Amino acid sequence: MNAPLIGLSRHRLTTDGLGVTTLVAFHGCPLRCRYCLNSQCLRADGVWRTVTPEELLAETIADNLYFLATGGGICFGGGEPLLRTDFIRDFCEQCPKEWRFYVETSLNVEQDLLEKAVPCVDHFYIDVKDMNPTIYKNYTGADNSRVVDNLQWLSRQQLADRVTIRLPLIPNHNTDADRQLSRRQLEAMGFSDFDCFDYVCRPQKTIA
């Protein structure tokens, strides 16, 4: 199988996981965020290259010693990496067992994709934007019901300790009071690891 990439970034240190990691960024996303960081993932001409799991492993194995020495590995981002769950599973099954795998996700995907990813992913970084459905839709153009359902599923499966929740303060969309309300709602679900930060925003480019 092939997967379209928008980029591959090596030698990242404690940015998206423990130790040294390589970020694999996939093309494609279900959201249309107002301040999209990687708008290339939405453009029809935004595919940098396509790879098979075997081709990706042949490239990333070059950093095996770094991964083993630091407890690092691969972080899948995008775009929305969980849209490529079958590719991710195939790739992970071929990698050295010592590698760790991380996913940066909006979690706005069908639950079956999340369920298939869980066995091979060590940690999820979930950017929930805001738990308020109106704020979420105004910012992303999408409904957040799947996000909430998937968070509840992770909690029921007692996987909250494998999740970091990202709670951004988004200019012109939410307030710190909104963010605190989101955090309390998520804490009630059982989540306790939060990354709170402020967006430094730039206007989204027009998507072709």
C-alpha atoms as a PDB file:
ATOM      1  CA  MET A   1       0.000   0.000   0.000  1.00  0.00           C
ATOM      2  CA  ASN A   2       1.080   3.586  -0.616  1.00  0.00           C
ATOM      3  CA  ALA A   3       0.580   6.652   1.576  1.00  0.00           C
ATOM      4  CA  PRO A   4       0.971  10.307   0.543  1.00  0.00           C
ATOM      5  CA  LEU A   5       3.328  12.426   2.645  1.00  0.00           C
ATOM      6  CA  ILE A   6       3.740  16.162   3.005  1.00  0.00           C
ATOM      7  CA  GLY A   7       7.059  15.853   4.791  1.00  0.00           C
ATOM      8  CA  LEU A   8       9.492  13.880   6.927  1.00  0.00           C
ATOM      9  CA  SER A   9      11.512  15.537   9.696  1.00  0.00           C
ATOM     10  CA  ARG A  10      14.406  13.705  11.358  1.00  0.00           C
ATOM     11  CA  HIS A  11      16.346  14.218  14.593  1.00  0.00           C
ATOM     12  CA  ARG A  12      13.595  15.900  16.601  1.00  0.00           C
ATOM     13  CA  LEU A  13      14.491  15.938  20.289  1.00  0.00           C
ATOM     14  CA  THR A  14      11.710  15.624  22.928  1.00  0.00           C
ATOM     15  CA  THR A  15       9.354  17.515  20.598  1.00  0.00           C
ATOM     16  CA  ASP A  16       6.807  14.800  19.869  1.00  0.00           C
ATOM     17  CA  GLY A  17       7.755  11.933  22.116  1.00  0.00           C
ATOM     18  CA  LEU A  18      10.631  10.673  24.228  1.00  0.00           C
ATOM     19  CA  GLY A  19      14.178  10.927  22.942  1.00  0.00           C
ATOM     20  CA  VAL A  20      15.003  11.436  19.280  1.00  0.00           C
ATOM     21  CA  THR A  21      12.047  11.068  16.933  1.00  0.00           C
ATOM     22  CA  THR A  22      11.286  11.278  13.238  1.00  0.00           C
ATOM     23  CA  LEU A  23       8.042  13.010  12.276  1.00  0.00           C
ATOM     24  CA  VAL A  24       6.166  11.396   9.381  1.00  0.00           C
ATOM     25  CA  ALA A  25       3.511  13.841   8.145  1.00  0.00           C
ATOM     26  CA  PHE A  26       0.635  12.506   6.031  1.00  0.00           C
ATOM     27  CA  HIS A  27      -1.431  14.322   3.430  1.00  0.00           C
ATOM     28  CA  GLY A  28      -5.179  14.641   4.087  1.00  0.00           C
ATOM     29  CA  CYS A  29      -7.317  15.957   6.942  1.00  0.00           C
ATOM     30  CA  PRO A  30     -11.052  16.030   7.782  1.00  0.00           C
ATOM     31  CA  LEU A  31     -10.785  19.543   9.270  1.00  0.00           C
ATOM     32  CA  ARG A  32     -10.452  23.015   7.778  1.00  0.00           C
ATOM     33  CA  CYS A  33      -8.954  24.905  10.690  1.00  0.00           C
ATOM     34  CA  ARG A  34      -8.837  28.690  10.424  1.00  0.00           C
ATOM     35  CA  TYR A  35      -5.152  28.785  11.369  1.00  0.00           C
ATOM     36  CA  CYS A  36      -3.931  25.556   9.791  1.00  0.00           C
ATOM     37  CA  LEU A  37      -0.267  24.924  10.517  1.00  0.00           C
ATOM     38  CA  ASN A  38       0.191  22.520   7.596  1.00  0.00           C
ATOM     39  CA  SER A  39      -2.258  23.682   4.932  1.00  0.00           C
ATOM     40  CA  GLN A  40      -0.185  21.739   2.393  1.00  0.00           C
ATOM     41  CA  CYS A  41      -1.955  18.632   3.712  1.00  0.00           C
ATOM     42  CA  LEU A  42      -5.212  19.925   2.218  1.00  0.00           C
ATOM     43  CA  ARG A  43      -4.041  21.063  -1.189  1.00  0.00           C
ATOM     44  CA  ALA A  44      -4.537  18.803  -4.179  1.00  0.00           C
ATOM     45  CA  ASP A  45      -0.940  19.556  -5.200  1.00  0.00           C
ATOM     46  CA  GLY A  46       0.362  19.231  -1.645  1.00  0.00           C
ATOM     47  CA  VAL A  47       1.685  15.667  -1.808  1.00  0.00           C
ATOM     48  CA  TRP A  48       5.454  15.681  -1.439  1.00  0.00           C
ATOM     49  CA  ARG A  49       5.873  12.002  -2.246  1.00  0.00           C
ATOM     50  CA  THR A  50       4.179   8.653  -1.764  1.00  0.00           C
ATOM     51  CA  VAL A  51       5.808   5.731   0.039  1.00  0.00           C
ATOM     52  CA  THR A  52       5.118   2.135   0.958  1.00  0.00           C
ATOM     53  CA  PRO A  53       5.694   0.931   4.542  1.00  0.00           C
ATOM     54  CA  GLU A  54       8.809  -0.855   3.318  1.00  0.00           C
ATOM     55  CA  GLU A  55      10.183   2.294   1.679  1.00  0.00           C
ATOM     56  CA  LEU A  56       9.524   4.350   4.798  1.00  0.00           C
ATOM     57  CA  LEU A  57      11.288   1.783   6.974  1.00  0.00           C
ATOM     58  CA  ALA A  58      14.287   1.701   4.636  1.00  0.00           C
ATOM     59  CA  GLU A  59      14.619   5.456   5.134  1.00  0.00           C
ATOM     60  CA  THR A  60      13.920   5.733   8.857  1.00  0.00           C
ATOM     61  CA  ILE A  61      16.090   2.758   9.860  1.00  0.00           C
ATOM     62  CA  ALA A  62      19.072   5.074   9.346  1.00  0.00           C
ATOM     63  CA  ASP A  63      18.274   6.552  12.765  1.00  0.00           C
ATOM     64  CA  ASN A  64      17.899   3.233  14.552  1.00  0.00           C
ATOM     65  CA  LEU A  65      20.895   3.894  16.827  1.00  0.00           C
ATOM     66  CA  TYR A  66      19.449   7.257  17.895  1.00  0.00           C
ATOM     67  CA  PHE A  67      16.085   5.657  18.658  1.00  0.00           C
ATOM     68  CA  LEU A  68      17.644   2.828  20.656  1.00  0.00           C
ATOM     69  CA  ALA A  69      19.992   5.117  22.610  1.00  0.00           C
ATOM     70  CA  THR A  70      17.293   7.637  23.574  1.00  0.00           C
ATOM     71  CA  GLY A  71      14.113   5.565  23.707  1.00  0.00           C
ATOM     72  CA  GLY A  72      12.767   7.447  20.704  1.00  0.00           C
ATOM     73  CA  GLY A  73      11.041   6.416  17.515  1.00  0.00           C
ATOM     74  CA  ILE A  74       8.442   7.603  15.027  1.00  0.00           C
ATOM     75  CA  CYS A  75       5.737  10.237  15.397  1.00  0.00           C
ATOM     76  CA  PHE A  76       2.926  10.200  12.856  1.00  0.00           C
ATOM     77  CA  GLY A  77       1.364  13.565  12.119  1.00  0.00           C
ATOM     78  CA  GLY A  78      -0.131  15.437   9.224  1.00  0.00           C
ATOM     79  CA  GLY A  79      -2.764  16.207   8.332  1.00  0.00           C
ATOM     80  CA  GLU A  80      -4.627  13.464  10.120  1.00  0.00           C
ATOM     81  CA  PRO A  81      -2.502  10.321  10.516  1.00  0.00           C
ATOM     82  CA  LEU A  82      -5.345   8.111  11.726  1.00  0.00           C
ATOM     83  CA  LEU A  83      -6.773   8.272   8.205  1.00  0.00           C
ATOM     84  CA  ARG A  84      -3.736   6.084   7.360  1.00  0.00           C
ATOM     85  CA  THR A  85      -4.157   3.545  10.157  1.00  0.00           C
ATOM     86  CA  ASP A  86      -3.652   0.490   7.927  1.00  0.00           C
ATOM     87  CA  PHE A  87      -0.382   1.928   6.639  1.00  0.00           C
ATOM     88  CA  ILE A  88       0.737   2.764  10.190  1.00  0.00           C
ATOM     89  CA  ARG A  89      -0.009  -0.750  11.443  1.00  0.00           C
ATOM     90  CA  ASP A  90       1.806  -2.367   8.519  1.00  0.00           C
ATOM     91  CA  PHE A  91       4.825  -0.117   9.048  1.00  0.00           C
ATOM     92  CA  CYS A  92       4.995  -0.616  12.826  1.00  0.00           C
ATOM     93  CA  GLU A  93       4.833  -4.396  12.488  1.00  0.00           C
ATOM     94  CA  GLN A  94       8.034  -4.303  10.414  1.00  0.00           C
ATOM     95  CA  CYS A  95      10.006  -1.992  12.725  1.00  0.00           C
ATOM     96  CA  PRO A  96      12.447  -2.976  15.490  1.00  0.00           C
ATOM     97  CA  LYS A  97      10.473  -3.834  18.611  1.00  0.00           C
ATOM     98  CA  GLU A  98      12.391  -1.253  20.655  1.00  0.00           C
ATOM     99  CA  TRP A  99      11.027   1.705  18.681  1.00  0.00           C
ATOM    100  CA  ARG A 100       8.273   3.791  20.212  1.00  0.00           C
ATOM    101  CA  PHE A 101       5.373   5.156  18.160  1.00  0.00           C
ATOM    102  CA  TYR A 102       3.437   8.365  18.679  1.00  0.00           C
ATOM    103  CA  VAL A 103       0.441   9.890  16.919  1.00  0.00           C
ATOM    104  CA  GLU A 104      -0.515  13.574  16.755  1.00  0.00           C
ATOM    105  CA  THR A 105      -4.230  13.568  15.977  1.00  0.00           C
ATOM    106  CA  SER A 106      -7.397  15.633  16.048  1.00  0.00           C
ATOM    107  CA  LEU A 107      -9.221  12.346  16.826  1.00  0.00           C
ATOM    108  CA  ASN A 108     -11.964  13.407  14.415  1.00  0.00           C
ATOM    109  CA  VAL A 109     -12.086  10.018  12.684  1.00  0.00           C
ATOM    110  CA  GLU A 110     -14.287   6.940  12.719  1.00  0.00           C
ATOM    111  CA  GLN A 111     -13.807   4.897  15.893  1.00  0.00           C
ATOM    112  CA  ASP A 112     -12.726   1.772  14.024  1.00  0.00           C
ATOM    113  CA  LEU A 113      -9.617   3.633  12.787  1.00  0.00           C
ATOM    114  CA  LEU A 114      -8.693   4.537  16.358  1.00  0.00           C
ATOM    115  CA  GLU A 115      -9.319   0.989  17.561  1.00  0.00           C
ATOM    116  CA  LYS A 116      -6.997  -0.429  14.887  1.00  0.00           C
ATOM    117  CA  ALA A 117      -4.252   2.054  15.806  1.00  0.00           C
ATOM    118  CA  VAL A 118      -4.263   1.498  19.571  1.00  0.00           C
ATOM    119  CA  PRO A 119      -2.313  -1.807  19.605  1.00  0.00           C
ATOM    120  CA  CYS A 120       0.706  -0.290  17.842  1.00  0.00           C
ATOM    121  CA  VAL A 121       0.741   3.280  19.238  1.00  0.00           C
ATOM    122  CA  ASP A 122       2.516   4.007  22.523  1.00  0.00           C
ATOM    123  CA  HIS A 123       1.160   7.509  23.033  1.00  0.00           C
ATOM    124  CA  PHE A 124      -1.433   9.842  21.519  1.00  0.00           C
ATOM    125  CA  TYR A 125      -1.139  13.633  21.377  1.00  0.00           C
ATOM    126  CA  ILE A 126      -4.743  14.776  20.879  1.00  0.00           C
ATOM    127  CA  ASP A 127      -5.440  18.337  19.803  1.00  0.00           C
ATOM    128  CA  VAL A 128      -9.078  18.727  20.849  1.00  0.00           C
ATOM    129  CA  LYS A 129      -9.119  22.458  19.916  1.00  0.00           C
ATOM    130  CA  ASP A 130     -12.042  23.166  22.293  1.00  0.00           C
ATOM    131  CA  MET A 131     -14.708  20.896  23.752  1.00  0.00           C
ATOM    132  CA  ASN A 132     -17.452  23.443  23.132  1.00  0.00           C
ATOM    133  CA  PRO A 133     -19.152  22.218  19.914  1.00  0.00           C
ATOM    134  CA  THR A 134     -19.932  25.736  18.689  1.00  0.00           C
ATOM    135  CA  ILE A 135     -16.371  26.982  19.181  1.00  0.00           C
ATOM    136  CA  TYR A 136     -15.026  23.807  17.602  1.00  0.00           C
ATOM    137  CA  LYS A 137     -17.203  24.105  14.509  1.00  0.00           C
ATOM    138  CA  ASN A 138     -16.489  27.816  14.074  1.00  0.00           C
ATOM    139  CA  TYR A 139     -12.772  27.076  14.144  1.00  0.00           C
ATOM    140  CA  THR A 140     -12.550  23.768  12.252  1.00  0.00           C
ATOM    141  CA  GLY A 141     -15.678  23.764  10.086  1.00  0.00           C
ATOM    142  CA  ALA A 142     -16.540  20.320  11.487  1.00  0.00           C
ATOM    143  CA  ASP A 143     -18.574  18.734  14.248  1.00  0.00           C
ATOM    144  CA  ASN A 144     -16.707  17.417  17.306  1.00  0.00           C
ATOM    145  CA  SER A 145     -19.059  14.566  18.216  1.00  0.00           C
ATOM    146  CA  ARG A 146     -16.611  11.938  16.920  1.00  0.00           C
ATOM    147  CA  VAL A 147     -13.838  13.520  18.990  1.00  0.00           C
ATOM    148  CA  VAL A 148     -15.933  13.274  22.149  1.00  0.00           C
ATOM    149  CA  ASP A 149     -17.008   9.704  21.368  1.00  0.00           C
ATOM    150  CA  ASN A 150     -13.418   8.638  20.747  1.00  0.00           C
ATOM    151  CA  LEU A 151     -12.199  10.291  23.951  1.00  0.00           C
ATOM    152  CA  GLN A 152     -14.901   8.461  25.904  1.00  0.00           C
ATOM    153  CA  TRP A 153     -13.891   5.185  24.251  1.00  0.00           C
ATOM    154  CA  LEU A 154     -10.235   5.706  25.202  1.00  0.00           C
ATOM    155  CA  SER A 155     -11.297   6.432  28.774  1.00  0.00           C
ATOM    156  CA  ARG A 156     -13.499   3.323  28.952  1.00  0.00           C
ATOM    157  CA  GLN A 157     -10.588   1.232  27.684  1.00  0.00           C
ATOM    158  CA  GLN A 158      -8.445   2.655  30.524  1.00  0.00           C
ATOM    159  CA  LEU A 159      -6.055   4.233  28.041  1.00  0.00           C
ATOM    160  CA  ALA A 160      -6.091   7.779  29.458  1.00  0.00           C
ATOM    161  CA  ASP A 161      -2.510   7.341  30.687  1.00  0.00           C
ATOM    162  CA  ARG A 162      -1.396   6.993  27.049  1.00  0.00           C
ATOM    163  CA  VAL A 163      -2.870  10.371  26.081  1.00  0.00           C
ATOM    164  CA  THR A 164      -1.667  13.962  26.206  1.00  0.00           C
ATOM    165  CA  ILE A 165      -4.481  16.446  25.582  1.00  0.00           C
ATOM    166  CA  ARG A 166      -3.524  19.638  23.776  1.00  0.00           C
ATOM    167  CA  LEU A 167      -5.662  22.615  24.756  1.00  0.00           C
ATOM    168  CA  PRO A 168      -4.831  25.717  22.714  1.00  0.00           C
ATOM    169  CA  LEU A 169      -5.923  29.266  23.330  1.00  0.00           C
ATOM    170  CA  ILE A 170      -7.092  30.273  19.847  1.00  0.00           C
ATOM    171  CA  PRO A 171      -7.306  34.029  19.156  1.00  0.00           C
ATOM    172  CA  ASN A 172     -10.797  35.199  18.160  1.00  0.00           C
ATOM    173  CA  HIS A 173     -12.270  31.756  18.851  1.00  0.00           C
ATOM    174  CA  ASN A 174     -11.979  30.812  22.527  1.00  0.00           C
ATOM    175  CA  THR A 175     -10.948  32.288  25.867  1.00  0.00           C
ATOM    176  CA  ASP A 176      -8.987  30.997  28.811  1.00  0.00           C
ATOM    177  CA  ALA A 177     -12.306  30.448  30.585  1.00  0.00           C
ATOM    178  CA  ASP A 178     -13.420  28.251  27.663  1.00  0.00           C
ATOM    179  CA  ARG A 179     -10.179  26.318  27.889  1.00  0.00           C
ATOM    180  CA  GLN A 180     -10.590  25.767  31.626  1.00  0.00           C
ATOM    181  CA  LEU A 181     -14.113  24.484  31.032  1.00  0.00           C
ATOM    182  CA  SER A 182     -12.770  22.049  28.413  1.00  0.00           C
ATOM    183  CA  ARG A 183     -10.124  20.865  30.848  1.00  0.00           C
ATOM    184  CA  ARG A 184     -12.651  20.183  33.605  1.00  0.00           C
ATOM    185  CA  GLN A 185     -14.800  18.215  31.171  1.00  0.00           C
ATOM    186  CA  LEU A 186     -11.796  16.139  30.104  1.00  0.00           C
ATOM    187  CA  GLU A 187     -10.642  15.589  33.673  1.00  0.00           C
ATOM    188  CA  ALA A 188     -14.107  14.223  34.437  1.00  0.00           C
ATOM    189  CA  MET A 189     -13.485  11.658  31.681  1.00  0.00           C
ATOM    190  CA  GLY A 190     -10.258  10.592  33.398  1.00  0.00           C
ATOM    191  CA  PHE A 191      -7.597  12.506  31.454  1.00  0.00           C
ATOM    192  CA  SER A 192      -4.851  14.191  33.461  1.00  0.00           C
ATOM    193  CA  ASP A 193      -1.968  15.070  31.107  1.00  0.00           C
ATOM    194  CA  PHE A 194      -2.548  18.439  29.442  1.00  0.00           C
ATOM    195  CA  ASP A 195      -0.484  20.651  27.157  1.00  0.00           C
ATOM    196  CA  CYS A 196      -1.912  24.181  27.321  1.00  0.00           C
ATOM    197  CA  PHE A 197      -0.476  26.763  24.958  1.00  0.00           C
ATOM    198  CA  ASP A 198      -1.372  29.792  22.867  1.00  0.00           C
ATOM    199  CA  TYR A 199      -1.662  29.695  19.090  1.00  0.00           C
ATOM    200  CA  VAL A 200       0.590  32.060  17.199  1.00  0.00           C
ATOM    201  CA  CYS A 201      -1.712  32.430  14.244  1.00  0.00           C
ATOM    202  CA  ARG A 202      -1.261  33.131  10.598  1.00  0.00           C
ATOM    203  CA  PRO A 203      -4.140  33.284   8.116  1.00  0.00           C
ATOM    204  CA  GLN A 204      -4.973  30.031   6.374  1.00  0.00           C
ATOM    205  CA  LYS A 205      -3.994  29.869   2.720  1.00  0.00           C
ATOM    206  CA  THR A 206      -6.682  29.278   0.142  1.00  0.00           C
ATOM    207  CA  ILE A 207      -7.106  25.543  -0.492  1.00  0.00           C
ATOM    208  CA  ALA A 208      -7.156  24.548  -4.165  1.00  0.00           C
END
